[in-house]
PDB file of N, CA and C in Angstrom:
ATOM      1  N   MET A   1     -20.906 -15.580 -11.899  1.00  0.00           N
ATOM      2  CA  MET A   1     -19.488 -15.743 -12.188  1.00  0.00           C
ATOM      3  C   MET A   1     -18.765 -14.395 -12.159  1.00  0.00           C
ATOM      4  N   THR A   2     -19.436 -13.349 -12.633  1.00  0.00           N
ATOM      5  CA  THR A   2     -18.803 -12.037 -12.661  1.00  0.00           C
ATOM      6  C   THR A   2     -18.526 -11.535 -11.247  1.00  0.00           C
ATOM      7  N   GLY A   3     -19.458 -11.808 -10.321  1.00  0.00           N
ATOM      8  CA  GLY A   3     -19.253 -11.397  -8.939  1.00  0.00           C
ATOM      9  C   GLY A   3     -18.063 -12.072  -8.309  1.00  0.00           C
ATOM     10  N   THR A   4     -17.856 -13.332  -8.660  1.00  0.00           N
ATOM     11  CA  THR A   4     -16.711 -14.068  -8.119  1.00  0.00           C
ATOM     12  C   THR A   4     -15.403 -13.488  -8.631  1.00  0.00           C
ATOM     13  N   LEU A   5     -15.367 -13.174  -9.916  1.00  0.00           N
ATOM     14  CA  LEU A   5     -14.150 -12.591 -10.482  1.00  0.00           C
ATOM     15  C   LEU A   5     -13.884 -11.204  -9.906  1.00  0.00           C
ATOM     16  N   ALA A   6     -14.945 -10.450  -9.658  1.00  0.00           N
ATOM     17  CA  ALA A   6     -14.781  -9.129  -9.055  1.00  0.00           C
ATOM     18  C   ALA A   6     -14.216  -9.260  -7.645  1.00  0.00           C
ATOM     19  N   ALA A   7     -14.699 -10.240  -6.899  1.00  0.00           N
ATOM     20  CA  ALA A   7     -14.199 -10.446  -5.545  1.00  0.00           C
ATOM     21  C   ALA A   7     -12.731 -10.868  -5.555  1.00  0.00           C
ATOM     22  N   VAL A   8     -12.359 -11.701  -6.503  1.00  0.00           N
ATOM     23  CA  VAL A   8     -10.959 -12.115  -6.625  1.00  0.00           C
ATOM     24  C   VAL A   8     -10.083 -10.912  -6.974  1.00  0.00           C
ATOM     25  N   GLY A   9     -10.553 -10.088  -7.900  1.00  0.00           N
ATOM     26  CA  GLY A   9      -9.801  -8.888  -8.280  1.00  0.00           C
ATOM     27  C   GLY A   9      -9.646  -7.924  -7.121  1.00  0.00           C
ATOM     28  N   ALA A  10     -10.713  -7.727  -6.370  1.00  0.00           N
ATOM     29  CA  ALA A  10     -10.645  -6.845  -5.207  1.00  0.00           C
ATOM     30  C   ALA A  10      -9.697  -7.412  -4.154  1.00  0.00           C
ATOM     31  N   GLY A  11      -9.744  -8.716  -3.952  1.00  0.00           N
ATOM     32  CA  GLY A  11      -8.857  -9.350  -2.987  1.00  0.00           C
ATOM     33  C   GLY A  11      -7.392  -9.227  -3.379  1.00  0.00           C
ATOM     34  N   LEU A  12      -7.111  -9.415  -4.655  1.00  0.00           N
ATOM     35  CA  LEU A  12      -5.735  -9.269  -5.132  1.00  0.00           C
ATOM     36  C   LEU A  12      -5.233  -7.839  -4.960  1.00  0.00           C
ATOM     37  N   ALA A  13      -6.110  -6.876  -5.205  1.00  0.00           N
ATOM     38  CA  ALA A  13      -5.721  -5.473  -5.030  1.00  0.00           C
ATOM     39  C   ALA A  13      -5.372  -5.182  -3.574  1.00  0.00           C
ATOM     40  N   VAL A  14      -6.165  -5.711  -2.666  1.00  0.00           N
ATOM     41  CA  VAL A  14      -5.914  -5.469  -1.242  1.00  0.00           C
ATOM     42  C   VAL A  14      -4.645  -6.188  -0.783  1.00  0.00           C
ATOM     43  N   ILE A  15      -4.435  -7.406  -1.250  1.00  0.00           N
ATOM     44  CA  ILE A  15      -3.211  -8.140  -0.889  1.00  0.00           C
ATOM     45  C   ILE A  15      -1.979  -7.413  -1.417  1.00  0.00           C
ATOM     46  N   GLY A  16      -2.061  -6.946  -2.650  1.00  0.00           N
ATOM     47  CA  GLY A  16      -0.939  -6.202  -3.224  1.00  0.00           C
ATOM     48  C   GLY A  16      -0.632  -4.933  -2.450  1.00  0.00           C
ATOM     49  N   ALA A  17      -1.676  -4.225  -2.031  1.00  0.00           N
ATOM     50  CA  ALA A  17      -1.472  -3.009  -1.247  1.00  0.00           C
ATOM     51  C   ALA A  17      -0.850  -3.334   0.105  1.00  0.00           C
ATOM     52  N   GLY A  18      -1.302  -4.404   0.723  1.00  0.00           N
ATOM     53  CA  GLY A  18      -0.734  -4.796   2.011  1.00  0.00           C
ATOM     54  C   GLY A  18       0.735  -5.144   1.913  1.00  0.00           C
ATOM     55  N   ILE A  19       1.089  -5.856   0.867  1.00  0.00           N
ATOM     56  CA  ILE A  19       2.501  -6.207   0.658  1.00  0.00           C
ATOM     57  C   ILE A  19       3.331  -4.946   0.395  1.00  0.00           C
ATOM     58  N   GLY A  20       2.786  -4.045  -0.422  1.00  0.00           N
ATOM     59  CA  GLY A  20       3.501  -2.804  -0.727  1.00  0.00           C
ATOM     60  C   GLY A  20       3.724  -1.938   0.497  1.00  0.00           C
ATOM     61  N   ILE A  21       2.694  -1.792   1.320  1.00  0.00           N
ATOM     62  CA  ILE A  21       2.835  -0.978   2.527  1.00  0.00           C
ATOM     63  C   ILE A  21       3.789  -1.656   3.512  1.00  0.00           C
ATOM     64  N   GLY A  22       3.754  -2.968   3.568  1.00  0.00           N
ATOM     65  CA  GLY A  22       4.705  -3.687   4.420  1.00  0.00           C
ATOM     66  C   GLY A  22       6.146  -3.453   3.992  1.00  0.00           C
ATOM     67  N   ASN A  23       6.375  -3.450   2.690  1.00  0.00           N
ATOM     68  CA  ASN A  23       7.728  -3.188   2.179  1.00  0.00           C
ATOM     69  C   ASN A  23       8.159  -1.750   2.468  1.00  0.00           C
ATOM     70  N   ILE A  24       7.220  -0.813   2.382  1.00  0.00           N
ATOM     71  CA  ILE A  24       7.544   0.579   2.710  1.00  0.00           C
ATOM     72  C   ILE A  24       7.942   0.687   4.181  1.00  0.00           C
ATOM     73  N   GLY A  25       7.162   0.039   5.043  1.00  0.00           N
ATOM     74  CA  GLY A  25       7.486   0.074   6.468  1.00  0.00           C
ATOM     75  C   GLY A  25       8.838  -0.542   6.769  1.00  0.00           C
ATOM     76  N   LYS A  26       9.127  -1.663   6.115  1.00  0.00           N
ATOM     77  CA  LYS A  26      10.425  -2.329   6.306  1.00  0.00           C
ATOM     78  C   LYS A  26      11.564  -1.416   5.868  1.00  0.00           C
ATOM     79  N   GLY A  27      11.386  -0.805   4.702  1.00  0.00           N
ATOM     80  CA  GLY A  27      12.431   0.090   4.210  1.00  0.00           C
ATOM     81  C   GLY A  27      12.627   1.310   5.103  1.00  0.00           C
ATOM     82  N   ALA A  28      11.519   1.831   5.610  1.00  0.00           N
ATOM     83  CA  ALA A  28      11.623   2.991   6.496  1.00  0.00           C
ATOM     84  C   ALA A  28      12.326   2.631   7.796  1.00  0.00           C
ATOM     85  N   MET A  29      12.011   1.478   8.348  1.00  0.00           N
ATOM     86  CA  MET A  29      12.673   1.065   9.596  1.00  0.00           C
ATOM     87  C   MET A  29      14.165   0.836   9.377  1.00  0.00           C
ATOM     88  N   ASP A  30      14.524   0.260   8.240  1.00  0.00           N
ATOM     89  CA  ASP A  30      15.939   0.074   7.924  1.00  0.00           C
ATOM     90  C   ASP A  30      16.644   1.421   7.779  1.00  0.00           C
ATOM     91  N   ALA A  31      15.984   2.358   7.104  1.00  0.00           N
ATOM     92  CA  ALA A  31      16.582   3.680   6.908  1.00  0.00           C
ATOM     93  C   ALA A  31      16.726   4.427   8.225  1.00  0.00           C
ATOM     94  N   ILE A  32      15.719   4.328   9.083  1.00  0.00           N
ATOM     95  CA  ILE A  32      15.796   5.000  10.383  1.00  0.00           C
ATOM     96  C   ILE A  32      16.893   4.374  11.241  1.00  0.00           C
ATOM     97  N   ALA A  33      17.073   3.054  11.130  1.00  0.00           N
ATOM     98  CA  ALA A  33      18.136   2.396  11.890  1.00  0.00           C
ATOM     99  C   ALA A  33      19.511   2.865  11.425  1.00  0.00           C
ATOM    100  N   ARG A  34      19.634   3.156  10.128  1.00  0.00           N
ATOM    101  CA  ARG A  34      20.917   3.612   9.596  1.00  0.00           C
ATOM    102  C   ARG A  34      21.175   5.084   9.892  1.00  0.00           C
ATOM    103  N   GLN A  35      20.107   5.916   9.809  1.00  0.00           N
ATOM    104  CA  GLN A  35      20.260   7.352  10.019  1.00  0.00           C
ATOM    105  C   GLN A  35      19.159   7.867  10.940  1.00  0.00           C
ATOM    106  N   PRO A  36      19.329   7.719  12.227  1.00  0.00           N
ATOM    107  CA  PRO A  36      18.289   8.146  13.163  1.00  0.00           C
ATOM    108  C   PRO A  36      17.985   9.644  13.106  1.00  0.00           C
ATOM    109  N   GLU A  37      18.947  10.442  12.686  1.00  0.00           N
ATOM    110  CA  GLU A  37      18.724  11.892  12.635  1.00  0.00           C
ATOM    111  C   GLU A  37      17.751  12.295  11.524  1.00  0.00           C
ATOM    112  N   ALA A  38      17.502  11.421  10.567  1.00  0.00           N
ATOM    113  CA  ALA A  38      16.589  11.724   9.455  1.00  0.00           C
ATOM    114  C   ALA A  38      15.208  11.113   9.670  1.00  0.00           C
ATOM    115  N   THR A  39      14.873  10.794  10.901  1.00  0.00           N
ATOM    116  CA  THR A  39      13.623  10.087  11.198  1.00  0.00           C
ATOM    117  C   THR A  39      12.396  10.834  10.696  1.00  0.00           C
ATOM    118  N   SER A  40      12.318  12.132  10.937  1.00  0.00           N
ATOM    119  CA  SER A  40      11.104  12.873  10.558  1.00  0.00           C
ATOM    120  C   SER A  40      10.911  12.903   9.044  1.00  0.00           C
ATOM    121  N   LYS A  41      11.981  13.075   8.288  1.00  0.00           N
ATOM    122  CA  LYS A  41      11.867  13.086   6.822  1.00  0.00           C
ATOM    123  C   LYS A  41      11.467  11.706   6.300  1.00  0.00           C
ATOM    124  N   ILE A  42      12.035  10.674   6.881  1.00  0.00           N
ATOM    125  CA  ILE A  42      11.726   9.309   6.447  1.00  0.00           C
ATOM    126  C   ILE A  42      10.272   8.974   6.755  1.00  0.00           C
ATOM    127  N   GLN A  43       9.812   9.330   7.955  1.00  0.00           N
ATOM    128  CA  GLN A  43       8.431   9.051   8.334  1.00  0.00           C
ATOM    129  C   GLN A  43       7.457   9.793   7.433  1.00  0.00           C
ATOM    130  N   THR A  44       7.765  11.034   7.102  1.00  0.00           N
ATOM    131  CA  THR A  44       6.882  11.804   6.223  1.00  0.00           C
ATOM    132  C   THR A  44       6.776  11.152   4.852  1.00  0.00           C
ATOM    133  N   ALA A  45       7.905  10.771   4.291  1.00  0.00           N
ATOM    134  CA  ALA A  45       7.895  10.121   2.980  1.00  0.00           C
ATOM    135  C   ALA A  45       7.161   8.783   3.036  1.00  0.00           C
ATOM    136  N   MET A  46       7.340   8.047   4.144  1.00  0.00           N
ATOM    137  CA  MET A  46       6.669   6.757   4.292  1.00  0.00           C
ATOM    138  C   MET A  46       5.159   6.933   4.363  1.00  0.00           C
ATOM    139  N   ILE A  47       4.690   7.897   5.114  1.00  0.00           N
ATOM    140  CA  ILE A  47       3.251   8.116   5.252  1.00  0.00           C
ATOM    141  C   ILE A  47       2.639   8.550   3.927  1.00  0.00           C
ATOM    142  N   ILE A  48       3.318   9.412   3.189  1.00  0.00           N
ATOM    143  CA  ILE A  48       2.801   9.850   1.891  1.00  0.00           C
ATOM    144  C   ILE A  48       2.740   8.673   0.922  1.00  0.00           C
ATOM    145  N   ALA A  49       3.784   7.869   0.882  1.00  0.00           N
ATOM    146  CA  ALA A  49       3.792   6.714  -0.023  1.00  0.00           C
ATOM    147  C   ALA A  49       2.706   5.708   0.353  1.00  0.00           C
ATOM    148  N   ALA A  50       2.527   5.466   1.646  1.00  0.00           N
ATOM    149  CA  ALA A  50       1.486   4.535   2.088  1.00  0.00           C
ATOM    150  C   ALA A  50       0.100   5.061   1.734  1.00  0.00           C
ATOM    151  N   ALA A  51      -0.113   6.354   1.861  1.00  0.00           N
ATOM    152  CA  ALA A  51      -1.409   6.938   1.506  1.00  0.00           C
ATOM    153  C   ALA A  51      -1.682   6.813   0.003  1.00  0.00           C
ATOM    154  N   LEU A  52      -0.656   7.007  -0.802  1.00  0.00           N
ATOM    155  CA  LEU A  52      -0.833   6.857  -2.246  1.00  0.00           C
ATOM    156  C   LEU A  52      -1.159   5.410  -2.612  1.00  0.00           C
ATOM    157  N   ILE A  53      -0.508   4.469  -1.967  1.00  0.00           N
ATOM    158  CA  ILE A  53      -0.798   3.057  -2.234  1.00  0.00           C
ATOM    159  C   ILE A  53      -2.219   2.718  -1.810  1.00  0.00           C
ATOM    160  N   GLU A  54      -2.650   3.240  -0.659  1.00  0.00           N
ATOM    161  CA  GLU A  54      -4.022   2.998  -0.207  1.00  0.00           C
ATOM    162  C   GLU A  54      -5.031   3.568  -1.203  1.00  0.00           C
ATOM    163  N   GLY A  55      -4.731   4.741  -1.743  1.00  0.00           N
ATOM    164  CA  GLY A  55      -5.619   5.338  -2.734  1.00  0.00           C
ATOM    165  C   GLY A  55      -5.728   4.487  -3.988  1.00  0.00           C
ATOM    166  N   VAL A  56      -4.620   3.995  -4.464  1.00  0.00           N
ATOM    167  CA  VAL A  56      -4.629   3.141  -5.651  1.00  0.00           C
ATOM    168  C   VAL A  56      -5.358   1.833  -5.358  1.00  0.00           C
ATOM    169  N   ALA A  57      -5.163   1.278  -4.163  1.00  0.00           N
ATOM    170  CA  ALA A  57      -5.842   0.037  -3.794  1.00  0.00           C
ATOM    171  C   ALA A  57      -7.349   0.247  -3.728  1.00  0.00           C
ATOM    172  N   LEU A  58      -7.781   1.354  -3.157  1.00  0.00           N
ATOM    173  CA  LEU A  58      -9.209   1.646  -3.091  1.00  0.00           C
ATOM    174  C   LEU A  58      -9.791   1.796  -4.492  1.00  0.00           C
ATOM    175  N   PHE A  59      -9.073   2.492  -5.364  1.00  0.00           N
ATOM    176  CA  PHE A  59      -9.510   2.647  -6.742  1.00  0.00           C
ATOM    177  C   PHE A  59      -9.610   1.288  -7.435  1.00  0.00           C
ATOM    178  N   ALA A  60      -8.640   0.412  -7.201  1.00  0.00           N
ATOM    179  CA  ALA A  60      -8.648  -0.910  -7.827  1.00  0.00           C
ATOM    180  C   ALA A  60      -9.818  -1.746  -7.322  1.00  0.00           C
ATOM    181  N   VAL A  61     -10.131  -1.652  -6.030  1.00  0.00           N
ATOM    182  CA  VAL A  61     -11.266  -2.391  -5.480  1.00  0.00           C
ATOM    183  C   VAL A  61     -12.564  -1.897  -6.095  1.00  0.00           C
ATOM    184  N   VAL A  62     -12.715  -0.587  -6.208  1.00  0.00           N
ATOM    185  CA  VAL A  62     -13.943  -0.035  -6.802  1.00  0.00           C
ATOM    186  C   VAL A  62     -14.075  -0.470  -8.255  1.00  0.00           C
ATOM    187  N   VAL A  63     -13.002  -0.389  -9.010  1.00  0.00           N
ATOM    188  CA  VAL A  63     -13.037  -0.793 -10.418  1.00  0.00           C
ATOM    189  C   VAL A  63     -13.354  -2.280 -10.528  1.00  0.00           C
ATOM    190  N   ALA A  64     -12.764  -3.092  -9.661  1.00  0.00           N
ATOM    191  CA  ALA A  64     -13.015  -4.539  -9.717  1.00  0.00           C
ATOM    192  C   ALA A  64     -14.481  -4.848  -9.401  1.00  0.00           C
ATOM    193  N   LEU A  65     -15.065  -4.140  -8.461  1.00  0.00           N
ATOM    194  CA  LEU A  65     -16.451  -4.416  -8.094  1.00  0.00           C
ATOM    195  C   LEU A  65     -17.451  -3.842  -9.096  1.00  0.00           C
ATOM    196  N   ILE A  66     -17.089  -2.773  -9.774  1.00  0.00           N
ATOM    197  CA  ILE A  66     -17.981  -2.182 -10.788  1.00  0.00           C
ATOM    198  C   ILE A  66     -17.967  -3.017 -12.062  1.00  0.00           C
ATOM    199  N   ALA A  67     -16.774  -3.488 -12.449  1.00  0.00           N
ATOM    200  CA  ALA A  67     -16.626  -4.214 -13.720  1.00  0.00           C
ATOM    201  C   ALA A  67     -17.293  -5.570 -13.677  1.00  0.00           C
TER     202      ALA A  67
END
């Protein structure tokens, strides 16, 4: 039973990260459409935010599988 709950927790963490990164991408595309001259700054911020979300998701998966 514990393995099943760990798998559910890991799955939820990955789904949450996917939704979060999707929202970041959507917001970045909207911002670039509004201000094309700020593309490089927007892309940099988007990549950093996506990397942080991936890190948190990986940590959540590890914690879910260990617990």
